[in-house]
Amino acid sequence: MSAEKSPHFYLQNLDPGRIKFARELHGLTKKELAEKIGKTPSAVTQYEAGKSGLSLETFTALAHALSVPFSFFSKCNHPLPTASFSECHFRANRRVPQMERLRAFSFAVQVFSIFSYLADRGVHFPETAFPTFDGSQVQEREIEKYAVEVRSAANLGLGPIPNMAGLLESLGVRIILLPAREAKLDGFATWFEGTPCVMIDSNSAASRMQFDYAHELAHLIFDEESTPEDPLVERRANRFASAFLMPATSFRADCPQFYRQSHFVSVKKYWHVSIAAALYRARELGILSEKSYKSAQISRSRAGTRMQEEEEFPPSMPSLLDQAMRLVCHDVRLDEMALDLGMSQHGLRDILELQNVSPDVLDVMTPPTKKARIIDFSVYRDTD
C-alpha cells in the first residue's frame, strides 16, 4: 500500500525534470515562477536542470506555487511517458501562445501516464490497427483513395460514422480531452511511446469534434515524420478528414444540389458532420457550384448560424479510460493511485471526470472515511 511521506523524503528523492513539467503544466514561464517563489529566473533554470540544490523552504514554496503535492516531484513516481513537444501537430489558431500549447501538451502527458499506469496493472488496451503511410510520398490528389483504404482496413464501408471517438479507440488510439481554455486550441496529435494519441478540446461542438477527430487521425496516418504546422500538411489533413467522413461515392448520391437549410440540417444529422463541412465537401465534389456555395455562406451569415451551428447532435466522447477504470475500481483506491502518480486525490478525480470516467466508478474507488467511535461517558458517571 502506498503511503504519504514527509516533504523531506520527497526532497531527498527529487526528480528535477518534474519541476519543469509542473511549471509547463500550469502555463508558467520561468520568470513567472521565479516571482512566485522569490527567486530569479536563472535560479529556476538551475533547479530544473538539477544543477542547484533546493532548500526545504524553497521546495515548499515550489509545491505551493505550482499547486501540486510534494509527491509530484518524486523520482519514485510512476514514470512519465517520453514524448516530444516538437513533433506534435497542433490544430490551433496561430495566435495561441507557445506556453498554452506547452500547457496542453503537459496535460496530455499527465493523462497518458494514467493509461500507462493501468497497463502496468494488467489492463489490456486495443493495439494500433490502422495503416500508416509516408506523407512525403502522398499526393493531395490521392487523398480520396487513401481515405477509402483506411475505411476498408477498419471494415467501415462507405456510410456515415456516428461515433468517431469509439472508432478511434477501437483502432488503438488514446483520446485525451483537453480542459476548456480561453485560447483557441482545437486539438493536436502525436505518438507517446509508440501509442497514437489524439487530444481534443472538451468544449468543442459535437459536429466540430467529429471533424477534429478525423483531422488528427490524418496526422497519425501520414505525418509521423512531417514538419508540424506545415500549411500543406494541415491542408492534407483537412482533405482527408472531409473524404474520410463523407466518401465521394455515397455522399454525392445523398447530398442536395442546392442549399436549403432544412436539407443540410438533414445531411448534418445523417452524416454526423457540421453543415459547414458538408457544404465545403459539396463544393469540393462539384455538387454545389461556387456561386451556390457562396450564396449559402451569405445566407448562413445573415441567419447567424455560420459560427454557431443549429441542430447539434450528441457529442462523440471517449469511453476507453472509463472501461479501464471499471476493471480496477474494486482493487485500486483512488488515493493510492494518486500518490503513485504524484497527484492529489482531488486533482486526479478532476482529470478522470474530464476524461469521461463515471463519478460512480470513482466513488467505488473512494471508500468513506471511517468515523471515530463516539463514547458516551455519561454512562460511567456516578449518579449517587
Protein backbone atom coordinates (compact mmCIF):
# COMPACT_ATOMS: atom_id res chain seq x y z
CA MET A 1 0.00 0.00 0.00
CA SER A 2 1.31 3.47 -0.91
CA ALA A 3 1.68 5.87 1.97
CA GLU A 4 2.31 9.61 2.06
CA LYS A 5 5.86 10.54 3.10
CA SER A 6 7.29 13.71 4.59
CA PRO A 7 8.32 16.69 2.42
CA HIS A 8 11.92 15.93 3.36
CA PHE A 9 11.61 12.43 1.84
CA TYR A 10 10.39 13.84 -1.48
CA LEU A 11 13.12 16.47 -1.48
CA GLN A 12 15.70 13.74 -0.95
CA ASN A 13 14.19 11.81 -3.88
CA LEU A 14 13.68 14.81 -6.16
CA ASP A 15 13.39 14.44 -9.93
CA PRO A 16 14.44 17.92 -11.17
CA GLY A 17 12.73 17.34 -14.52
CA ARG A 18 9.38 17.33 -12.76
CA ILE A 19 9.89 20.96 -11.72
CA LYS A 20 9.89 21.98 -15.38
CA PHE A 21 6.99 19.62 -16.08
CA ALA A 22 4.90 21.14 -13.26
CA ARG A 23 5.72 24.66 -14.44
CA GLU A 24 4.64 23.94 -18.02
CA LEU A 25 1.59 22.05 -16.78
CA HIS A 26 0.46 25.27 -15.09
CA GLY A 27 1.37 27.51 -18.01
CA LEU A 28 4.07 29.50 -16.22
CA THR A 29 7.25 30.96 -17.64
CA LYS A 30 10.45 30.72 -15.63
CA LYS A 31 10.12 34.40 -14.82
CA GLU A 32 6.56 33.98 -13.52
CA LEU A 33 7.51 31.01 -11.35
CA ALA A 34 10.57 32.84 -10.05
CA GLU A 35 8.40 35.75 -8.92
CA LYS A 36 6.05 33.38 -7.08
CA ILE A 37 8.86 31.77 -5.06
CA GLY A 38 11.01 34.86 -4.57
CA LYS A 39 13.90 33.67 -6.74
CA THR A 40 15.47 34.66 -10.06
CA PRO A 41 14.67 33.04 -13.45
CA SER A 42 18.26 31.79 -13.61
CA ALA A 43 17.74 30.05 -10.25
CA VAL A 44 14.66 28.30 -11.66
CA THR A 45 16.76 27.20 -14.65
CA GLN A 46 19.31 25.71 -12.25
CA TYR A 47 16.62 23.90 -10.26
CA GLU A 48 15.04 22.40 -13.39
CA ALA A 49 18.43 21.21 -14.64
CA GLY A 50 19.32 19.68 -11.28
CA LYS A 51 22.41 21.87 -11.05
CA SER A 52 21.43 23.62 -7.85
CA GLY A 53 20.16 22.10 -4.63
CA LEU A 54 16.85 23.14 -3.11
CA SER A 55 16.31 24.10 0.49
CA LEU A 56 13.24 22.66 2.16
CA GLU A 57 11.83 26.19 2.28
CA THR A 58 12.22 26.69 -1.48
CA PHE A 59 10.89 23.18 -2.15
CA THR A 60 7.80 24.02 -0.12
CA ALA A 61 7.38 27.30 -1.99
CA LEU A 62 7.59 25.48 -5.32
CA ALA A 63 4.89 22.99 -4.36
CA HIS A 64 2.56 25.77 -3.22
CA ALA A 65 3.25 28.00 -6.25
CA LEU A 66 2.56 25.11 -8.64
CA SER A 67 -0.44 23.77 -6.67
CA VAL A 68 0.90 20.21 -6.56
CA PRO A 69 1.59 17.83 -3.67
CA PHE A 70 5.20 17.28 -2.60
CA SER A 71 4.96 13.77 -4.04
CA PHE A 72 4.58 15.25 -7.54
CA PHE A 73 8.34 15.88 -7.68
CA SER A 74 9.46 12.41 -6.61
CA LYS A 75 11.56 10.15 -8.83
CA CYS A 76 9.73 7.25 -7.13
CA ASN A 77 6.51 8.10 -9.03
CA HIS A 78 5.15 6.11 -11.92
CA PRO A 79 7.32 7.38 -14.81
CA LEU A 80 6.05 9.97 -17.22
CA PRO A 81 5.99 8.89 -20.88
CA THR A 82 8.77 10.03 -23.15
CA ALA A 83 7.29 12.42 -25.67
CA SER A 84 8.39 15.26 -27.91
CA PHE A 85 6.53 18.56 -27.95
CA SER A 86 8.23 19.49 -31.23
CA GLU A 87 6.59 16.52 -33.00
CA CYS A 88 3.01 17.49 -32.11
CA HIS A 89 0.67 18.59 -34.89
CA PHE A 90 -1.46 21.33 -33.35
CA ARG A 91 -4.86 22.28 -34.75
CA ALA A 92 -4.90 25.80 -33.37
CA ASN A 93 -5.23 29.47 -34.12
CA ARG A 94 -1.73 30.79 -34.89
CA ARG A 95 -2.22 33.38 -32.16
CA VAL A 96 -2.36 30.67 -29.47
CA PRO A 97 0.75 31.33 -27.32
CA GLN A 98 3.52 28.75 -27.22
CA MET A 99 3.10 28.42 -23.45
CA GLU A 100 -0.56 27.49 -23.90
CA ARG A 101 0.47 24.74 -26.31
CA LEU A 102 3.08 23.51 -23.83
CA ARG A 103 0.43 23.52 -21.13
CA ALA A 104 -1.89 21.36 -23.25
CA PHE A 105 0.97 19.03 -24.15
CA SER A 106 1.96 18.60 -20.49
CA PHE A 107 -1.65 17.90 -19.55
CA ALA A 108 -1.80 15.21 -22.24
CA VAL A 109 1.42 13.65 -20.92
CA GLN A 110 -0.12 13.51 -17.45
CA VAL A 111 -3.30 11.84 -18.72
CA PHE A 112 -1.33 9.36 -20.82
CA SER A 113 0.58 8.38 -17.68
CA ILE A 114 -2.79 7.19 -16.28
CA PHE A 115 -3.23 4.87 -19.28
CA SER A 116 0.34 3.65 -18.76
CA TYR A 117 -0.27 3.12 -15.03
CA LEU A 118 -3.34 0.98 -15.77
CA ALA A 119 -1.48 -1.01 -18.44
CA ASP A 120 1.22 -1.83 -15.90
CA ARG A 121 -1.52 -3.22 -13.67
CA GLY A 122 -2.74 -5.65 -16.26
CA VAL A 123 -5.32 -3.66 -18.24
CA HIS A 124 -5.08 -4.55 -21.93
CA PHE A 125 -5.85 -1.71 -24.34
CA PRO A 126 -6.54 -2.12 -28.08
CA GLU A 127 -3.47 -2.39 -30.26
CA THR A 128 -2.86 0.05 -33.12
CA ALA A 129 -4.97 -1.17 -36.03
CA PHE A 130 -4.78 1.39 -38.84
CA PRO A 131 -2.32 1.73 -41.72
CA THR A 132 0.28 4.49 -41.82
CA PHE A 133 1.95 6.00 -44.87
CA ASP A 134 4.97 8.11 -45.67
CA GLY A 135 3.42 11.54 -46.05
CA SER A 136 6.24 12.77 -48.28
CA GLN A 137 5.11 10.24 -50.89
CA VAL A 138 1.41 11.09 -50.70
CA GLN A 139 -0.03 13.44 -53.32
CA GLU A 140 -3.04 15.59 -52.47
CA ARG A 141 -4.97 14.25 -55.44
CA GLU A 142 -4.64 10.75 -53.93
CA ILE A 143 -6.31 11.60 -50.62
CA GLU A 144 -9.68 10.20 -51.69
CA LYS A 145 -8.04 6.84 -52.38
CA TYR A 146 -6.28 6.79 -49.01
CA ALA A 147 -9.47 7.71 -47.15
CA VAL A 148 -11.29 4.76 -48.71
CA GLU A 149 -8.32 2.48 -47.99
CA VAL A 150 -8.30 3.40 -44.29
CA ARG A 151 -12.07 2.89 -44.13
CA SER A 152 -11.66 -0.52 -45.74
CA ALA A 153 -8.95 -1.51 -43.24
CA ALA A 154 -11.38 -0.62 -40.44
CA ASN A 155 -14.28 -2.51 -42.10
CA LEU A 156 -16.35 0.67 -42.25
CA GLY A 157 -17.95 0.60 -45.67
CA LEU A 158 -18.89 3.98 -47.16
CA GLY A 159 -21.65 5.12 -44.82
CA PRO A 160 -21.75 7.69 -42.01
CA ILE A 161 -19.58 7.34 -38.88
CA PRO A 162 -21.82 8.28 -35.94
CA ASN A 163 -19.15 7.71 -33.28
CA MET A 164 -15.67 8.83 -34.30
CA ALA A 165 -14.39 8.55 -30.72
CA GLY A 166 -15.46 4.93 -30.49
CA LEU A 167 -13.91 4.21 -33.88
CA LEU A 168 -10.55 5.75 -32.98
CA GLU A 169 -10.40 3.91 -29.66
CA SER A 170 -11.18 0.60 -31.39
CA LEU A 171 -8.22 1.32 -33.71
CA GLY A 172 -5.86 1.70 -30.75
CA VAL A 173 -5.90 5.50 -30.47
CA ARG A 174 -5.93 7.03 -26.99
CA ILE A 175 -8.21 10.06 -26.88
CA ILE A 176 -7.42 12.75 -24.33
CA LEU A 177 -9.91 15.53 -23.67
CA LEU A 178 -8.28 18.90 -23.03
CA PRO A 179 -9.64 21.35 -20.46
CA ALA A 180 -11.56 24.25 -21.96
CA ARG A 181 -9.25 27.27 -22.20
CA GLU A 182 -9.71 30.83 -23.35
CA ALA A 183 -7.15 30.31 -26.11
CA LYS A 184 -8.44 28.59 -29.25
CA LEU A 185 -6.75 25.20 -29.28
CA ASP A 186 -8.95 22.62 -31.02
CA GLY A 187 -6.58 19.73 -30.59
CA PHE A 188 -3.38 18.01 -31.63
CA ALA A 189 -1.99 14.58 -32.37
CA THR A 190 1.25 12.73 -31.65
CA TRP A 191 2.66 9.35 -30.64
CA PHE A 192 3.51 8.74 -26.99
CA GLU A 193 5.93 5.82 -26.67
CA GLY A 194 4.65 4.23 -29.88
CA THR A 195 0.99 4.75 -28.98
CA PRO A 196 -1.14 7.02 -31.21
CA CYS A 197 -2.82 9.80 -29.26
CA VAL A 198 -5.38 12.41 -30.23
CA MET A 199 -6.02 15.39 -27.97
CA ILE A 200 -9.35 17.24 -28.42
CA ASP A 201 -10.89 20.36 -26.88
CA SER A 202 -13.51 19.02 -24.46
CA ASN A 203 -15.66 22.09 -25.06
CA SER A 204 -15.97 21.78 -28.85
CA ALA A 205 -19.34 21.48 -30.55
CA ALA A 206 -20.18 17.88 -31.43
CA SER A 207 -20.01 18.41 -35.19
CA ARG A 208 -16.69 20.24 -34.89
CA MET A 209 -15.35 17.47 -32.67
CA GLN A 210 -16.17 14.85 -35.33
CA PHE A 211 -14.09 16.70 -37.90
CA ASP A 212 -11.25 17.26 -35.43
CA TYR A 213 -11.08 13.53 -34.69
CA ALA A 214 -10.73 12.77 -38.41
CA HIS A 215 -8.24 15.62 -38.93
CA GLU A 216 -5.98 14.35 -36.13
CA LEU A 217 -6.27 10.78 -37.40
CA ALA A 218 -4.83 12.03 -40.68
CA HIS A 219 -1.75 13.34 -38.84
CA LEU A 220 -1.23 9.93 -37.23
CA ILE A 221 -1.62 8.18 -40.59
CA PHE A 222 0.58 10.45 -42.73
CA ASP A 223 2.65 12.79 -40.63
CA GLU A 224 4.81 10.97 -38.08
CA GLU A 225 7.86 12.36 -39.89
CA SER A 226 6.29 15.59 -41.21
CA THR A 227 7.03 19.11 -40.02
CA PRO A 228 4.28 20.28 -37.64
CA GLU A 229 2.12 23.17 -38.78
CA ASP A 230 3.28 22.96 -42.38
CA PRO A 231 0.36 24.56 -44.31
CA LEU A 232 0.44 21.76 -46.88
CA VAL A 233 0.31 19.12 -44.14
CA GLU A 234 -2.65 20.85 -42.49
CA ARG A 235 -4.47 21.17 -45.81
CA ARG A 236 -3.93 17.48 -46.49
CA ALA A 237 -5.30 16.59 -43.04
CA ASN A 238 -8.41 18.68 -43.74
CA ARG A 239 -8.93 16.99 -47.11
CA PHE A 240 -8.51 13.56 -45.57
CA ALA A 241 -10.99 14.36 -42.79
CA SER A 242 -13.54 15.52 -45.35
CA ALA A 243 -13.06 12.47 -47.59
CA PHE A 244 -13.00 10.06 -44.65
CA LEU A 245 -16.21 11.36 -43.07
CA MET A 246 -18.03 11.86 -46.39
CA PRO A 247 -16.81 9.35 -49.01
CA ALA A 248 -17.30 10.73 -52.51
CA THR A 249 -19.47 7.96 -53.97
CA SER A 250 -22.03 7.71 -51.17
CA PHE A 251 -22.04 11.39 -50.19
CA ARG A 252 -22.55 12.53 -53.78
CA ALA A 253 -25.67 10.36 -54.04
CA ASP A 254 -27.10 11.76 -50.81
CA CYS A 255 -26.21 15.47 -50.89
CA PRO A 256 -28.68 18.09 -52.22
CA GLN A 257 -27.66 20.02 -55.33
CA PHE A 258 -28.72 23.38 -53.92
CA TYR A 259 -28.67 24.93 -50.47
CA ARG A 260 -31.72 24.91 -48.26
CA GLN A 261 -31.31 24.99 -44.52
CA SER A 262 -33.67 22.10 -43.76
CA HIS A 263 -31.98 19.89 -46.38
CA PHE A 264 -28.49 20.45 -44.97
CA VAL A 265 -29.70 20.01 -41.41
CA SER A 266 -30.80 16.54 -42.54
CA VAL A 267 -27.38 15.97 -44.10
CA LYS A 268 -25.75 17.02 -40.85
CA LYS A 269 -27.80 14.62 -38.74
CA TYR A 270 -27.35 11.69 -41.11
CA TRP A 271 -23.63 12.09 -41.82
CA HIS A 272 -22.70 13.39 -38.35
CA VAL A 273 -20.76 16.34 -39.69
CA SER A 274 -21.18 20.09 -39.46
CA ILE A 275 -23.18 21.92 -42.10
CA ALA A 276 -20.03 23.92 -42.83
CA ALA A 277 -18.11 20.70 -43.56
CA ALA A 278 -20.95 19.32 -45.66
CA LEU A 279 -21.16 22.49 -47.75
CA TYR A 280 -17.40 22.54 -48.28
CA ARG A 281 -17.45 18.88 -49.32
CA ALA A 282 -20.37 19.52 -51.69
CA ARG A 283 -18.41 22.29 -53.39
CA GLU A 284 -15.25 20.16 -53.46
CA LEU A 285 -17.11 17.35 -55.25
CA GLY A 286 -18.85 19.73 -57.67
CA ILE A 287 -22.30 19.05 -56.22
CA LEU A 288 -22.66 22.76 -55.42
CA SER A 289 -21.33 25.40 -57.76
CA GLU A 290 -19.02 28.11 -56.45
CA LYS A 291 -21.89 30.57 -56.75
CA SER A 292 -24.28 28.33 -54.80
CA TYR A 293 -21.65 27.75 -52.13
CA LYS A 294 -21.04 31.48 -51.64
CA SER A 295 -24.78 32.14 -51.58
CA ALA A 296 -25.19 29.51 -48.85
CA GLN A 297 -22.43 31.14 -46.79
CA ILE A 298 -24.07 34.55 -47.10
CA SER A 299 -27.43 33.09 -46.11
CA ARG A 300 -25.92 31.38 -43.06
CA SER A 301 -24.05 34.53 -42.03
CA ARG A 302 -27.27 36.53 -42.10
CA ALA A 303 -29.03 33.85 -40.04
CA GLY A 304 -26.15 33.83 -37.52
CA THR A 305 -25.53 30.09 -37.96
CA ARG A 306 -22.06 30.09 -39.55
CA MET A 307 -20.27 30.42 -36.23
CA GLN A 308 -22.92 28.83 -34.01
CA GLU A 309 -24.46 25.92 -35.86
CA GLU A 310 -28.01 24.78 -35.33
CA GLU A 311 -29.31 21.27 -34.56
CA GLU A 312 -26.21 19.83 -32.87
CA PHE A 313 -26.23 16.08 -32.26
CA PRO A 314 -24.84 14.47 -29.06
CA PRO A 315 -21.03 14.61 -28.91
CA SER A 316 -18.92 11.54 -29.58
CA MET A 317 -16.99 11.02 -26.34
CA PRO A 318 -14.19 8.59 -25.43
CA SER A 319 -15.05 5.64 -23.19
CA LEU A 320 -11.83 3.59 -23.09
CA LEU A 321 -10.50 5.07 -19.86
CA ASP A 322 -13.88 4.65 -18.18
CA GLN A 323 -13.91 0.97 -19.19
CA ALA A 324 -10.36 0.51 -17.88
CA MET A 325 -11.18 2.15 -14.54
CA ARG A 326 -14.21 -0.13 -14.15
CA LEU A 327 -11.87 -3.12 -14.37
CA VAL A 328 -9.69 -1.96 -11.46
CA CYS A 329 -12.09 0.08 -9.34
CA HIS A 330 -12.62 -2.69 -6.75
CA ASP A 331 -8.89 -3.37 -6.39
CA VAL A 332 -7.30 0.10 -6.51
CA ARG A 333 -8.07 3.01 -4.23
CA LEU A 334 -8.09 6.48 -5.73
CA ASP A 335 -5.84 7.96 -3.04
CA GLU A 336 -3.23 5.24 -3.59
CA MET A 337 -3.38 5.69 -7.36
CA ALA A 338 -2.99 9.46 -6.96
CA LEU A 339 0.06 9.02 -4.73
CA ASP A 340 1.72 6.61 -7.18
CA LEU A 341 1.18 9.16 -9.96
CA GLY A 342 2.34 12.11 -7.86
CA MET A 343 -1.07 13.79 -7.91
CA SER A 344 -3.53 14.89 -5.28
CA GLN A 345 -6.62 12.72 -4.97
CA HIS A 346 -8.83 15.70 -5.80
CA GLY A 347 -6.70 16.58 -8.84
CA LEU A 348 -6.74 13.01 -10.14
CA ARG A 349 -10.51 12.78 -9.74
CA ASP A 350 -10.98 16.06 -11.66
CA ILE A 351 -8.82 14.74 -14.52
CA LEU A 352 -10.65 11.43 -14.68
CA GLU A 353 -14.07 13.07 -14.67
CA LEU A 354 -12.94 15.34 -17.52
CA GLN A 355 -11.88 12.18 -19.39
CA ASN A 356 -15.47 10.94 -19.18
CA VAL A 357 -14.90 8.44 -16.36
CA SER A 358 -18.15 7.93 -14.47
CA PRO A 359 -18.33 9.50 -10.98
CA ASP A 360 -19.93 6.24 -9.82
CA VAL A 361 -16.73 4.38 -10.65
CA LEU A 362 -14.64 6.94 -8.81
CA ASP A 363 -16.94 6.73 -5.79
CA VAL A 364 -16.25 2.99 -5.59
CA MET A 365 -12.53 3.81 -5.50
CA THR A 366 -13.03 6.35 -2.71
CA PRO A 367 -14.08 4.44 0.42
CA PRO A 368 -15.82 6.55 3.04
CA THR A 369 -13.64 7.93 5.80
CA LYS A 370 -14.06 5.94 8.98
CA LYS A 371 -15.57 7.99 11.75
CA ALA A 372 -14.12 7.77 15.22
CA ARG A 373 -16.29 5.82 17.63
CA ILE A 374 -18.14 8.15 19.99
CA ILE A 375 -18.15 7.02 23.58
CA ASP A 376 -20.85 8.42 25.80
CA PHE A 377 -19.01 8.96 29.06
CA SER A 378 -22.27 9.86 30.77
CA VAL A 379 -22.99 6.17 31.31
CA TYR A 380 -19.95 5.99 33.56
CA ARG A 381 -20.88 8.93 35.72
CA ASP A 382 -21.51 8.31 39.35
CA THR A 383 -25.15 9.14 39.82
CA ASP A 384 -25.07 8.86 43.57
